[in-house]
Amino acid sequence: MAFTKAERALIARLNTPAKVQRWLNALPYNTEKGGVTQRSFRPVIRLKMAHCMEAALFAAVVLEQHGYPPLVMSLESQDWLDHVIFVYREKTGWGSVARSRDPGLHGRKPRFKTPRALARSYYDGYVDYSGRLKGFGVANLADAMGGYDWRLTTKNVWAVEQMLIDLPHRKITSSIRRYRVLLRKYRAYRAAHDGRKPLYYRGKDKWEPLPKEFY
């Protein structure tokens, strides 16, 4: 790989998923004020910001150099605002690296038995005014993208986005009653706390640390 000296030094330092998560947590979230973007590793370093897919691609490039397959998971929502995370497997289970505008959609420690269990851990955190998790799909970027340069290009990687849209997703089902309870709770919390996003979710012991902006 044609990494620069500075890139190699950063990759060497970020040699675990937890370290990559902390590095991404320190970046501002890319709200795409100047236009829609889908950047990969190199522009993320240069511009020091990332949204969910950009964070997942950054993690995939870095951790591939430490022996992790470049696996990404697409979480499909009913409102078409899908979420993309980097996923990996350790002896203790499946985990993830992720960045989001919502606190419940960040990284998970490697404690989940299957990719489905990992995906389901995002269900409660996905419920906001319009979101509801309805499916997930996993892709190995090295296989799915062939010779396409998703690692180091400075151009927007729209082909990766399209691949994830086209990726077969496995359904995640839940009762309409549970969804409505979560939705009411979310709306009530936001209304009572001046729009602040909640941190009341179950299973937080399996979350990676969140960015400071949520505390």
N, C-alpha and C. Protein backbone atom coordinates (compact mmCIF):
# COMPACT_ATOMS: atom_id res chain seq x y z
N MET A 1 0.83 -1.19 0.00
CA MET A 1 0.00 0.00 0.00
C MET A 1 0.87 1.24 0.00
N ALA A 2 0.46 2.26 -0.76
CA ALA A 2 1.27 3.47 -0.91
C ALA A 2 0.95 4.50 0.17
N PHE A 3 1.15 4.11 1.42
CA PHE A 3 0.94 5.03 2.52
C PHE A 3 2.10 6.00 2.65
N THR A 4 1.80 7.22 3.10
CA THR A 4 2.87 8.17 3.41
C THR A 4 3.49 7.79 4.75
N LYS A 5 4.60 8.42 5.07
CA LYS A 5 5.27 8.15 6.34
C LYS A 5 4.36 8.50 7.51
N ALA A 6 3.66 9.62 7.41
CA ALA A 6 2.76 10.03 8.48
C ALA A 6 1.59 9.06 8.61
N GLU A 7 1.06 8.59 7.49
CA GLU A 7 -0.04 7.63 7.52
C GLU A 7 0.40 6.32 8.16
N ARG A 8 1.60 5.87 7.81
CA ARG A 8 2.11 4.63 8.40
C ARG A 8 2.29 4.76 9.91
N ALA A 9 2.74 5.92 10.34
CA ALA A 9 2.92 6.14 11.78
C ALA A 9 1.58 6.10 12.50
N LEU A 10 0.56 6.70 11.90
CA LEU A 10 -0.77 6.68 12.51
C LEU A 10 -1.33 5.26 12.54
N ILE A 11 -1.17 4.53 11.45
CA ILE A 11 -1.65 3.15 11.39
C ILE A 11 -0.96 2.30 12.45
N ALA A 12 0.33 2.49 12.60
CA ALA A 12 1.08 1.72 13.60
C ALA A 12 0.57 2.01 15.01
N ARG A 13 0.18 3.24 15.25
CA ARG A 13 -0.31 3.63 16.58
C ARG A 13 -1.72 3.11 16.84
N LEU A 14 -2.53 3.08 15.79
CA LEU A 14 -3.92 2.63 15.95
C LEU A 14 -4.01 1.14 15.62
N ASN A 15 -3.47 0.32 16.50
CA ASN A 15 -3.33 -1.10 16.20
C ASN A 15 -4.42 -1.98 16.80
N THR A 16 -5.46 -1.38 17.38
CA THR A 16 -6.60 -2.15 17.88
C THR A 16 -7.89 -1.41 17.52
N PRO A 17 -9.01 -2.13 17.45
CA PRO A 17 -10.28 -1.45 17.19
C PRO A 17 -10.61 -0.38 18.23
N ALA A 18 -10.30 -0.63 19.49
CA ALA A 18 -10.59 0.35 20.54
C ALA A 18 -9.81 1.64 20.33
N LYS A 19 -8.57 1.54 19.88
CA LYS A 19 -7.77 2.73 19.62
C LYS A 19 -8.31 3.50 18.41
N VAL A 20 -8.76 2.79 17.40
CA VAL A 20 -9.36 3.45 16.23
C VAL A 20 -10.63 4.17 16.66
N GLN A 21 -11.43 3.52 17.50
CA GLN A 21 -12.66 4.16 17.98
C GLN A 21 -12.35 5.45 18.73
N ARG A 22 -11.36 5.44 19.60
CA ARG A 22 -11.01 6.64 20.36
C ARG A 22 -10.54 7.75 19.43
N TRP A 23 -9.77 7.40 18.41
CA TRP A 23 -9.27 8.41 17.46
C TRP A 23 -10.44 9.04 16.71
N LEU A 24 -11.37 8.22 16.27
CA LEU A 24 -12.54 8.74 15.55
C LEU A 24 -13.44 9.56 16.47
N ASN A 25 -13.54 9.16 17.73
CA ASN A 25 -14.36 9.92 18.69
C ASN A 25 -13.87 11.35 18.84
N ALA A 26 -12.58 11.55 18.67
CA ALA A 26 -11.99 12.88 18.86
C ALA A 26 -12.24 13.81 17.67
N LEU A 27 -12.72 13.25 16.54
CA LEU A 27 -12.97 14.07 15.35
C LEU A 27 -14.37 14.68 15.39
N PRO A 28 -14.55 15.85 14.81
CA PRO A 28 -15.91 16.38 14.62
C PRO A 28 -16.67 15.47 13.66
N TYR A 29 -17.97 15.35 13.89
CA TYR A 29 -18.79 14.58 12.96
C TYR A 29 -18.96 15.38 11.68
N ASN A 30 -18.81 14.73 10.54
CA ASN A 30 -18.94 15.39 9.24
C ASN A 30 -20.41 15.58 8.92
N THR A 31 -20.91 16.79 9.09
CA THR A 31 -22.32 17.09 8.80
C THR A 31 -22.56 17.46 7.34
N GLU A 32 -21.51 17.40 6.53
CA GLU A 32 -21.61 17.60 5.08
C GLU A 32 -22.20 18.96 4.72
N LYS A 33 -21.80 20.00 5.44
CA LYS A 33 -22.32 21.34 5.18
C LYS A 33 -21.97 21.85 3.78
N GLY A 34 -20.83 21.42 3.26
CA GLY A 34 -20.42 21.87 1.93
C GLY A 34 -20.91 20.98 0.81
N GLY A 35 -21.73 19.98 1.13
CA GLY A 35 -22.20 19.05 0.12
C GLY A 35 -22.01 17.61 0.58
N VAL A 36 -22.73 16.69 -0.05
CA VAL A 36 -22.68 15.29 0.35
C VAL A 36 -21.31 14.70 0.02
N THR A 37 -20.76 13.93 0.94
CA THR A 37 -19.44 13.32 0.75
C THR A 37 -19.47 11.84 1.11
N GLN A 38 -18.55 11.09 0.52
CA GLN A 38 -18.27 9.71 0.91
C GLN A 38 -16.76 9.53 0.79
N ARG A 39 -16.05 9.97 1.80
CA ARG A 39 -14.59 9.98 1.77
C ARG A 39 -14.00 8.72 2.40
N SER A 40 -12.79 8.40 1.99
CA SER A 40 -12.09 7.27 2.55
C SER A 40 -10.95 7.74 3.45
N PHE A 41 -10.05 6.82 3.70
CA PHE A 41 -8.97 6.98 4.69
C PHE A 41 -8.20 8.29 4.57
N ARG A 42 -7.66 8.57 3.40
CA ARG A 42 -6.75 9.72 3.25
C ARG A 42 -7.44 11.07 3.46
N PRO A 43 -8.58 11.33 2.86
CA PRO A 43 -9.26 12.60 3.13
C PRO A 43 -9.72 12.74 4.58
N VAL A 44 -10.08 11.64 5.23
CA VAL A 44 -10.47 11.72 6.64
C VAL A 44 -9.31 12.23 7.48
N ILE A 45 -8.12 11.74 7.22
CA ILE A 45 -6.95 12.21 7.95
C ILE A 45 -6.69 13.68 7.66
N ARG A 46 -6.77 14.06 6.39
CA ARG A 46 -6.44 15.43 6.00
C ARG A 46 -7.46 16.43 6.54
N LEU A 47 -8.73 16.10 6.46
CA LEU A 47 -9.79 17.03 6.84
C LEU A 47 -10.20 16.89 8.31
N LYS A 48 -9.81 15.79 8.92
CA LYS A 48 -10.08 15.54 10.35
C LYS A 48 -11.57 15.66 10.70
N MET A 49 -12.38 14.95 9.94
CA MET A 49 -13.80 14.81 10.22
C MET A 49 -14.30 13.57 9.50
N ALA A 50 -15.40 13.00 10.00
CA ALA A 50 -15.94 11.79 9.36
C ALA A 50 -17.39 11.60 9.77
N HIS A 51 -18.21 11.13 8.81
CA HIS A 51 -19.53 10.63 9.17
C HIS A 51 -19.46 9.11 9.23
N CYS A 52 -20.61 8.44 9.33
CA CYS A 52 -20.57 7.02 9.67
C CYS A 52 -19.82 6.17 8.65
N MET A 53 -20.12 6.31 7.35
CA MET A 53 -19.44 5.46 6.38
C MET A 53 -17.98 5.83 6.26
N GLU A 54 -17.66 7.10 6.35
CA GLU A 54 -16.26 7.53 6.28
C GLU A 54 -15.48 6.95 7.45
N ALA A 55 -16.08 6.92 8.63
CA ALA A 55 -15.43 6.32 9.79
C ALA A 55 -15.23 4.82 9.60
N ALA A 56 -16.24 4.15 9.04
CA ALA A 56 -16.13 2.71 8.80
C ALA A 56 -15.03 2.39 7.80
N LEU A 57 -14.93 3.19 6.74
CA LEU A 57 -13.88 2.96 5.74
C LEU A 57 -12.50 3.26 6.31
N PHE A 58 -12.40 4.31 7.12
CA PHE A 58 -11.13 4.61 7.78
C PHE A 58 -10.71 3.43 8.65
N ALA A 59 -11.63 2.92 9.46
CA ALA A 59 -11.31 1.79 10.32
C ALA A 59 -10.92 0.56 9.51
N ALA A 60 -11.61 0.33 8.40
CA ALA A 60 -11.31 -0.83 7.56
C ALA A 60 -9.89 -0.76 7.01
N VAL A 61 -9.46 0.42 6.56
CA VAL A 61 -8.11 0.58 6.02
C VAL A 61 -7.06 0.38 7.10
N VAL A 62 -7.26 1.02 8.24
CA VAL A 62 -6.28 0.94 9.32
C VAL A 62 -6.17 -0.48 9.85
N LEU A 63 -7.29 -1.09 10.18
CA LEU A 63 -7.25 -2.39 10.84
C LEU A 63 -6.94 -3.53 9.88
N GLU A 64 -7.15 -3.31 8.58
CA GLU A 64 -6.70 -4.30 7.60
C GLU A 64 -5.19 -4.49 7.68
N GLN A 65 -4.47 -3.42 8.00
CA GLN A 65 -3.02 -3.48 8.13
C GLN A 65 -2.58 -4.23 9.39
N HIS A 66 -3.52 -4.48 10.27
CA HIS A 66 -3.22 -5.24 11.49
C HIS A 66 -3.88 -6.62 11.48
N GLY A 67 -4.27 -7.07 10.28
CA GLY A 67 -4.76 -8.43 10.12
C GLY A 67 -6.25 -8.63 10.20
N TYR A 68 -7.02 -7.55 10.32
CA TYR A 68 -8.48 -7.67 10.35
C TYR A 68 -9.04 -7.60 8.94
N PRO A 69 -9.95 -8.48 8.56
CA PRO A 69 -10.61 -8.35 7.25
C PRO A 69 -11.39 -7.03 7.19
N PRO A 70 -11.43 -6.38 6.03
CA PRO A 70 -12.16 -5.10 5.91
C PRO A 70 -13.66 -5.31 5.79
N LEU A 71 -14.28 -5.67 6.91
CA LEU A 71 -15.71 -5.98 6.95
C LEU A 71 -16.50 -4.75 7.38
N VAL A 72 -17.54 -4.45 6.64
CA VAL A 72 -18.45 -3.38 7.05
C VAL A 72 -19.87 -3.93 7.11
N MET A 73 -20.65 -3.39 8.03
CA MET A 73 -22.04 -3.79 8.19
C MET A 73 -22.93 -2.60 7.85
N SER A 74 -23.92 -2.84 7.03
CA SER A 74 -24.94 -1.85 6.71
C SER A 74 -26.17 -2.14 7.58
N LEU A 75 -26.59 -1.14 8.35
CA LEU A 75 -27.80 -1.24 9.16
C LEU A 75 -28.90 -0.46 8.45
N GLU A 76 -29.95 -1.15 8.07
CA GLU A 76 -31.00 -0.58 7.24
C GLU A 76 -32.14 -0.05 8.11
N SER A 77 -32.56 1.19 7.83
CA SER A 77 -33.61 1.84 8.61
C SER A 77 -34.86 2.06 7.78
N GLN A 78 -36.01 2.13 8.45
CA GLN A 78 -37.26 2.37 7.75
C GLN A 78 -37.34 3.75 7.11
N ASP A 79 -36.52 4.70 7.60
CA ASP A 79 -36.56 6.06 7.04
C ASP A 79 -35.47 6.29 6.00
N TRP A 80 -34.80 5.22 5.57
CA TRP A 80 -33.75 5.27 4.55
C TRP A 80 -32.46 5.93 5.03
N LEU A 81 -32.38 6.28 6.30
CA LEU A 81 -31.14 6.83 6.86
C LEU A 81 -30.34 5.68 7.45
N ASP A 82 -29.70 4.93 6.56
CA ASP A 82 -28.96 3.74 6.97
C ASP A 82 -27.66 4.12 7.68
N HIS A 83 -27.13 3.18 8.44
CA HIS A 83 -25.91 3.40 9.22
C HIS A 83 -24.88 2.37 8.76
N VAL A 84 -23.61 2.77 8.68
CA VAL A 84 -22.54 1.87 8.27
C VAL A 84 -21.49 1.82 9.36
N ILE A 85 -21.07 0.60 9.73
CA ILE A 85 -20.08 0.42 10.78
C ILE A 85 -19.03 -0.59 10.32
N PHE A 86 -17.85 -0.50 10.90
CA PHE A 86 -16.82 -1.52 10.70
C PHE A 86 -17.04 -2.61 11.73
N VAL A 87 -16.97 -3.88 11.31
CA VAL A 87 -17.18 -4.98 12.25
C VAL A 87 -15.97 -5.92 12.22
N TYR A 88 -15.75 -6.57 13.33
CA TYR A 88 -14.60 -7.47 13.46
C TYR A 88 -14.91 -8.57 14.46
N ARG A 89 -14.11 -9.60 14.43
CA ARG A 89 -14.33 -10.73 15.33
C ARG A 89 -13.06 -11.03 16.13
N GLU A 90 -13.24 -11.18 17.44
CA GLU A 90 -12.17 -11.60 18.34
C GLU A 90 -12.59 -12.93 18.97
N LYS A 91 -11.74 -13.50 19.80
CA LYS A 91 -12.09 -14.75 20.49
C LYS A 91 -13.31 -14.56 21.39
N THR A 92 -13.50 -13.33 21.87
CA THR A 92 -14.61 -13.04 22.78
C THR A 92 -15.91 -12.74 22.05
N GLY A 93 -15.87 -12.58 20.74
CA GLY A 93 -17.08 -12.32 19.98
C GLY A 93 -16.92 -11.21 18.96
N TRP A 94 -18.05 -10.78 18.39
CA TRP A 94 -18.08 -9.73 17.38
C TRP A 94 -18.18 -8.36 18.02
N GLY A 95 -17.47 -7.39 17.43
CA GLY A 95 -17.51 -6.01 17.89
C GLY A 95 -17.54 -5.07 16.71
N SER A 96 -17.53 -3.78 16.98
CA SER A 96 -17.63 -2.80 15.90
C SER A 96 -16.91 -1.51 16.25
N VAL A 97 -16.61 -0.75 15.20
CA VAL A 97 -16.11 0.62 15.31
C VAL A 97 -17.08 1.48 14.54
N ALA A 98 -17.55 2.57 15.12
CA ALA A 98 -18.58 3.37 14.44
C ALA A 98 -18.59 4.80 14.95
N ARG A 99 -19.08 5.68 14.08
CA ARG A 99 -19.26 7.10 14.44
C ARG A 99 -20.66 7.51 13.99
N SER A 100 -21.31 8.34 14.80
CA SER A 100 -22.69 8.72 14.51
C SER A 100 -23.02 10.04 15.19
N ARG A 101 -24.13 10.64 14.74
CA ARG A 101 -24.69 11.80 15.43
C ARG A 101 -25.53 11.38 16.63
N ASP A 102 -25.78 10.09 16.76
CA ASP A 102 -26.60 9.57 17.86
C ASP A 102 -25.75 8.72 18.78
N PRO A 103 -25.88 8.89 20.08
CA PRO A 103 -24.99 8.19 21.02
C PRO A 103 -25.12 6.68 20.97
N GLY A 104 -26.32 6.16 20.68
CA GLY A 104 -26.52 4.73 20.70
C GLY A 104 -26.00 3.97 19.50
N LEU A 105 -25.39 4.67 18.55
CA LEU A 105 -24.97 4.03 17.30
C LEU A 105 -23.47 4.01 17.11
N HIS A 106 -22.72 4.10 18.22
CA HIS A 106 -21.26 4.04 18.13
C HIS A 106 -20.75 2.60 18.29
N GLY A 107 -19.47 2.46 18.57
CA GLY A 107 -18.84 1.15 18.58
C GLY A 107 -19.29 0.24 19.71
N ARG A 108 -19.13 -1.05 19.48
CA ARG A 108 -19.45 -2.07 20.47
C ARG A 108 -18.19 -2.90 20.78
N LYS A 109 -18.09 -3.30 22.03
CA LYS A 109 -17.00 -4.20 22.42
C LYS A 109 -17.24 -5.58 21.81
N PRO A 110 -16.18 -6.37 21.61
CA PRO A 110 -16.34 -7.68 20.96
C PRO A 110 -16.93 -8.72 21.91
N ARG A 111 -18.24 -8.60 22.16
CA ARG A 111 -18.91 -9.48 23.11
C ARG A 111 -20.17 -10.11 22.53
N PHE A 112 -20.36 -10.04 21.22
CA PHE A 112 -21.58 -10.54 20.61
C PHE A 112 -21.29 -11.83 19.85
N LYS A 113 -22.17 -12.83 20.03
CA LYS A 113 -21.90 -14.16 19.48
C LYS A 113 -21.97 -14.21 17.97
N THR A 114 -22.81 -13.39 17.37
CA THR A 114 -23.03 -13.42 15.92
C THR A 114 -23.15 -12.01 15.38
N PRO A 115 -22.96 -11.82 14.07
CA PRO A 115 -23.24 -10.51 13.48
C PRO A 115 -24.68 -10.05 13.72
N ARG A 116 -25.64 -10.97 13.72
CA ARG A 116 -27.03 -10.60 13.98
C ARG A 116 -27.19 -10.04 15.40
N ALA A 117 -26.56 -10.69 16.35
CA ALA A 117 -26.64 -10.20 17.73
C ALA A 117 -26.02 -8.82 17.84
N LEU A 118 -24.92 -8.61 17.14
CA LEU A 118 -24.29 -7.29 17.12
C LEU A 118 -25.23 -6.26 16.50
N ALA A 119 -25.83 -6.60 15.37
CA ALA A 119 -26.76 -5.68 14.71
C ALA A 119 -27.95 -5.36 15.62
N ARG A 120 -28.48 -6.35 16.31
CA ARG A 120 -29.64 -6.13 17.17
C ARG A 120 -29.31 -5.21 18.35
N SER A 121 -28.05 -5.15 18.73
CA SER A 121 -27.67 -4.27 19.83
C SER A 121 -27.88 -2.80 19.48
N TYR A 122 -28.08 -2.51 18.20
CA TYR A 122 -28.31 -1.14 17.75
C TYR A 122 -29.80 -0.80 17.67
N TYR A 123 -30.68 -1.76 17.95
CA TYR A 123 -32.10 -1.53 17.72
C TYR A 123 -32.65 -0.36 18.55
N ASP A 124 -32.45 -0.40 19.85
CA ASP A 124 -33.01 0.65 20.71
C ASP A 124 -32.45 2.02 20.35
N GLY A 125 -31.15 2.08 20.13
CA GLY A 125 -30.51 3.36 19.80
C GLY A 125 -30.89 3.91 18.44
N TYR A 126 -31.47 3.06 17.60
CA TYR A 126 -31.86 3.50 16.26
C TYR A 126 -33.20 4.23 16.26
N VAL A 127 -33.99 4.00 17.29
CA VAL A 127 -35.33 4.60 17.33
C VAL A 127 -35.21 6.08 17.70
N ASP A 128 -35.52 6.93 16.73
CA ASP A 128 -35.63 8.36 16.99
C ASP A 128 -36.97 8.82 16.40
N TYR A 129 -37.07 10.03 15.97
CA TYR A 129 -38.35 10.51 15.44
C TYR A 129 -38.82 9.72 14.22
N SER A 130 -37.88 9.21 13.42
CA SER A 130 -38.29 8.51 12.20
C SER A 130 -37.58 7.17 11.99
N GLY A 131 -36.53 6.89 12.74
CA GLY A 131 -35.71 5.71 12.48
C GLY A 131 -36.22 4.45 13.17
N ARG A 132 -36.00 3.33 12.51
CA ARG A 132 -36.29 2.02 13.08
C ARG A 132 -35.48 0.99 12.31
N LEU A 133 -34.66 0.22 13.02
CA LEU A 133 -33.81 -0.77 12.39
C LEU A 133 -34.65 -1.92 11.84
N LYS A 134 -34.44 -2.23 10.57
CA LYS A 134 -35.23 -3.31 9.97
C LYS A 134 -34.39 -4.39 9.29
N GLY A 135 -33.06 -4.20 9.18
CA GLY A 135 -32.25 -5.22 8.56
C GLY A 135 -30.77 -4.91 8.61
N PHE A 136 -29.94 -5.92 8.30
CA PHE A 136 -28.49 -5.71 8.29
C PHE A 136 -27.86 -6.57 7.20
N GLY A 137 -26.71 -6.11 6.71
CA GLY A 137 -25.93 -6.87 5.75
C GLY A 137 -24.46 -6.64 6.01
N VAL A 138 -23.64 -7.64 5.74
CA VAL A 138 -22.19 -7.55 5.96
C VAL A 138 -21.46 -7.80 4.65
N ALA A 139 -20.46 -6.95 4.37
CA ALA A 139 -19.68 -7.10 3.14
C ALA A 139 -18.19 -7.01 3.46
N ASN A 140 -17.41 -7.84 2.79
CA ASN A 140 -15.95 -7.73 2.82
C ASN A 140 -15.56 -6.83 1.66
N LEU A 141 -15.06 -5.65 1.97
CA LEU A 141 -14.75 -4.68 0.92
C LEU A 141 -13.69 -5.18 -0.05
N ALA A 142 -12.77 -5.99 0.42
CA ALA A 142 -11.72 -6.51 -0.46
C ALA A 142 -12.31 -7.38 -1.55
N ASP A 143 -13.37 -8.11 -1.23
CA ASP A 143 -14.02 -8.97 -2.21
C ASP A 143 -15.07 -8.21 -3.01
N ALA A 144 -15.88 -7.42 -2.32
CA ALA A 144 -17.03 -6.77 -2.96
C ALA A 144 -16.63 -5.68 -3.94
N MET A 145 -15.50 -5.01 -3.69
CA MET A 145 -15.13 -3.85 -4.51
C MET A 145 -14.08 -4.17 -5.57
N GLY A 146 -13.56 -5.39 -5.60
CA GLY A 146 -12.60 -5.76 -6.64
C GLY A 146 -11.41 -4.81 -6.70
N GLY A 147 -11.12 -4.28 -7.88
CA GLY A 147 -9.99 -3.37 -8.05
C GLY A 147 -10.31 -1.91 -7.79
N TYR A 148 -11.52 -1.61 -7.35
CA TYR A 148 -11.91 -0.22 -7.07
C TYR A 148 -11.12 0.32 -5.89
N ASP A 149 -10.62 1.53 -6.02
CA ASP A 149 -9.78 2.12 -4.97
C ASP A 149 -10.65 2.79 -3.91
N TRP A 150 -11.04 2.02 -2.91
CA TRP A 150 -11.81 2.56 -1.78
C TRP A 150 -10.90 2.89 -0.60
N ARG A 151 -9.64 2.53 -0.71
CA ARG A 151 -8.73 2.70 0.43
C ARG A 151 -8.07 4.08 0.47
N LEU A 152 -7.46 4.50 -0.63
CA LEU A 152 -6.61 5.69 -0.60
C LEU A 152 -7.06 6.82 -1.52
N THR A 153 -8.09 6.61 -2.29
CA THR A 153 -8.51 7.65 -3.22
C THR A 153 -8.92 8.93 -2.48
N THR A 154 -8.69 10.05 -3.13
CA THR A 154 -9.14 11.33 -2.57
C THR A 154 -10.50 11.73 -3.15
N LYS A 155 -11.04 10.89 -4.02
CA LYS A 155 -12.36 11.15 -4.60
C LYS A 155 -13.46 10.50 -3.74
N ASN A 156 -14.67 10.96 -3.89
CA ASN A 156 -15.79 10.35 -3.19
C ASN A 156 -16.01 8.92 -3.69
N VAL A 157 -16.21 8.00 -2.76
CA VAL A 157 -16.33 6.58 -3.12
C VAL A 157 -17.82 6.19 -3.23
N TRP A 158 -18.47 6.77 -4.22
CA TRP A 158 -19.90 6.51 -4.38
C TRP A 158 -20.18 5.04 -4.69
N ALA A 159 -19.23 4.36 -5.30
CA ALA A 159 -19.44 2.95 -5.65
C ALA A 159 -19.59 2.09 -4.40
N VAL A 160 -18.91 2.46 -3.31
CA VAL A 160 -19.07 1.72 -2.06
C VAL A 160 -20.48 1.93 -1.51
N GLU A 161 -20.94 3.17 -1.54
CA GLU A 161 -22.30 3.45 -1.09
C GLU A 161 -23.32 2.64 -1.88
N GLN A 162 -23.17 2.59 -3.21
CA GLN A 162 -24.12 1.85 -4.03
C GLN A 162 -24.05 0.36 -3.74
N MET A 163 -22.84 -0.16 -3.53
CA MET A 163 -22.70 -1.58 -3.20
C MET A 163 -23.46 -1.91 -1.91
N LEU A 164 -23.39 -1.02 -0.93
CA LEU A 164 -24.08 -1.26 0.34
C LEU A 164 -25.60 -1.14 0.18
N ILE A 165 -26.04 -0.25 -0.68
CA ILE A 165 -27.48 -0.14 -0.96
C ILE A 165 -27.99 -1.42 -1.61
N ASP A 166 -27.20 -1.97 -2.53
CA ASP A 166 -27.60 -3.18 -3.26
C ASP A 166 -27.38 -4.46 -2.46
N LEU A 167 -26.63 -4.38 -1.38
CA LEU A 167 -26.27 -5.56 -0.59
C LEU A 167 -27.52 -6.23 -0.01
N PRO A 168 -27.66 -7.54 -0.15
CA PRO A 168 -28.79 -8.22 0.49
C PRO A 168 -28.75 -8.02 2.00
N HIS A 169 -29.88 -7.64 2.57
CA HIS A 169 -29.99 -7.40 4.00
C HIS A 169 -30.88 -8.47 4.63
N ARG A 170 -30.48 -8.96 5.79
CA ARG A 170 -31.29 -9.90 6.54
C ARG A 170 -32.23 -9.12 7.46
N LYS A 171 -33.46 -9.56 7.54
CA LYS A 171 -34.46 -8.83 8.30
C LYS A 171 -34.21 -8.92 9.81
N ILE A 172 -34.48 -7.82 10.47
CA ILE A 172 -34.52 -7.77 11.93
C ILE A 172 -35.94 -7.39 12.30
N THR A 173 -36.62 -8.29 13.00
CA THR A 173 -38.01 -8.05 13.34
C THR A 173 -38.16 -7.68 14.81
N SER A 174 -39.19 -6.92 15.10
CA SER A 174 -39.55 -6.58 16.47
C SER A 174 -41.02 -6.21 16.49
N SER A 175 -41.62 -6.25 17.65
CA SER A 175 -43.05 -5.97 17.74
C SER A 175 -43.32 -4.48 17.57
N ILE A 176 -44.47 -4.17 17.00
CA ILE A 176 -44.86 -2.78 16.86
C ILE A 176 -45.07 -2.16 18.24
N ARG A 177 -45.47 -2.95 19.21
CA ARG A 177 -45.65 -2.44 20.58
C ARG A 177 -44.32 -1.97 21.15
N ARG A 178 -43.28 -2.78 21.00
CA ARG A 178 -41.98 -2.38 21.53
C ARG A 178 -41.49 -1.11 20.84
N TYR A 179 -41.66 -1.05 19.53
CA TYR A 179 -41.23 0.14 18.80
C TYR A 179 -41.96 1.38 19.30
N ARG A 180 -43.25 1.29 19.51
CA ARG A 180 -44.02 2.44 19.95
C ARG A 180 -43.63 2.88 21.35
N VAL A 181 -43.33 1.92 22.22
CA VAL A 181 -42.86 2.26 23.57
C VAL A 181 -41.54 3.03 23.50
N LEU A 182 -40.61 2.55 22.68
CA LEU A 182 -39.31 3.21 22.53
C LEU A 182 -39.47 4.60 21.92
N LEU A 183 -40.37 4.72 20.95
CA LEU A 183 -40.59 6.01 20.30
C LEU A 183 -41.17 7.03 21.28
N ARG A 184 -42.15 6.61 22.07
CA ARG A 184 -42.73 7.52 23.07
C ARG A 184 -41.67 7.95 24.09
N LYS A 185 -40.87 7.01 24.52
CA LYS A 185 -39.83 7.32 25.50
C LYS A 185 -38.82 8.30 24.93
N TYR A 186 -38.45 8.09 23.68
CA TYR A 186 -37.49 8.99 23.02
C TYR A 186 -38.05 10.39 22.90
N ARG A 187 -39.27 10.51 22.41
CA ARG A 187 -39.89 11.83 22.26
C ARG A 187 -40.02 12.55 23.59
N ALA A 188 -40.42 11.82 24.62
CA ALA A 188 -40.61 12.43 25.93
C ALA A 188 -39.28 12.92 26.50
N TYR A 189 -38.24 12.13 26.31
CA TYR A 189 -36.92 12.52 26.82
C TYR A 189 -36.41 13.78 26.14
N ARG A 190 -36.50 13.81 24.82
CA ARG A 190 -36.02 14.98 24.08
C ARG A 190 -36.80 16.24 24.49
N ALA A 191 -38.10 16.09 24.66
CA ALA A 191 -38.93 17.23 25.04
C ALA A 191 -38.60 17.73 26.45
N ALA A 192 -38.26 16.81 27.34
CA ALA A 192 -37.99 17.18 28.72
C ALA A 192 -36.57 17.65 28.97
N HIS A 193 -35.68 17.42 28.01
CA HIS A 193 -34.26 17.75 28.20
C HIS A 193 -33.73 18.69 27.13
N ASP A 194 -34.58 19.60 26.68
CA ASP A 194 -34.17 20.64 25.73
C ASP A 194 -33.52 20.08 24.47
N GLY A 195 -34.03 18.96 23.99
CA GLY A 195 -33.53 18.37 22.75
C GLY A 195 -32.30 17.50 22.89
N ARG A 196 -31.79 17.34 24.11
CA ARG A 196 -30.61 16.51 24.30
C ARG A 196 -30.92 15.05 23.99
N LYS A 197 -29.99 14.34 23.38
CA LYS A 197 -30.23 12.95 23.01
C LYS A 197 -29.98 12.02 24.20
N PRO A 198 -30.78 10.97 24.33
CA PRO A 198 -30.72 10.13 25.54
C PRO A 198 -29.53 9.18 25.60
N LEU A 199 -29.24 8.79 26.85
CA LEU A 199 -28.21 7.78 27.12
C LEU A 199 -28.75 6.72 28.07
N TYR A 200 -30.05 6.47 28.00
CA TYR A 200 -30.69 5.56 28.95
C TYR A 200 -30.73 4.11 28.47
N TYR A 201 -30.04 3.77 27.42
CA TYR A 201 -30.20 2.47 26.77
C TYR A 201 -29.66 1.31 27.59
N ARG A 202 -30.27 0.16 27.39
CA ARG A 202 -29.78 -1.08 28.00
C ARG A 202 -28.51 -1.55 27.28
N GLY A 203 -27.71 -2.35 27.96
CA GLY A 203 -26.54 -2.96 27.35
C GLY A 203 -25.36 -2.04 27.14
N LYS A 204 -25.34 -0.90 27.84
CA LYS A 204 -24.24 0.06 27.65
C LYS A 204 -22.90 -0.49 28.11
N ASP A 205 -22.92 -1.55 28.91
CA ASP A 205 -21.66 -2.17 29.34
C ASP A 205 -20.92 -2.78 28.16
N LYS A 206 -21.62 -2.98 27.04
CA LYS A 206 -21.00 -3.55 25.85
C LYS A 206 -20.63 -2.48 24.82
N TRP A 207 -20.85 -1.21 25.17
CA TRP A 207 -20.50 -0.12 24.27
C TRP A 207 -19.04 0.27 24.44
N GLU A 208 -18.42 0.72 23.36
CA GLU A 208 -17.14 1.41 23.47
C GLU A 208 -17.42 2.82 24.02
N PRO A 209 -16.40 3.48 24.60
CA PRO A 209 -16.62 4.85 25.09
C PRO A 209 -17.13 5.78 24.00
N LEU A 210 -17.99 6.71 24.39
CA LEU A 210 -18.58 7.66 23.45
C LEU A 210 -17.75 8.93 23.35
N PRO A 211 -17.93 9.70 22.27
CA PRO A 211 -17.31 11.02 22.18
C PRO A 211 -17.79 11.92 23.32
N LYS A 212 -16.96 12.84 23.72
CA LYS A 212 -17.27 13.73 24.84
C LYS A 212 -18.52 14.56 24.61
N GLU A 213 -18.86 14.79 23.36
CA GLU A 213 -20.01 15.65 23.04
C GLU A 213 -21.33 15.11 23.58
N PHE A 214 -21.38 13.82 23.92
CA PHE A 214 -22.63 13.25 24.40
C PHE A 214 -22.76 13.24 25.93
N TYR A 215 -21.75 13.76 26.62
CA TYR A 215 -21.80 13.78 28.08
C TYR A 215 -21.94 15.21 28.59
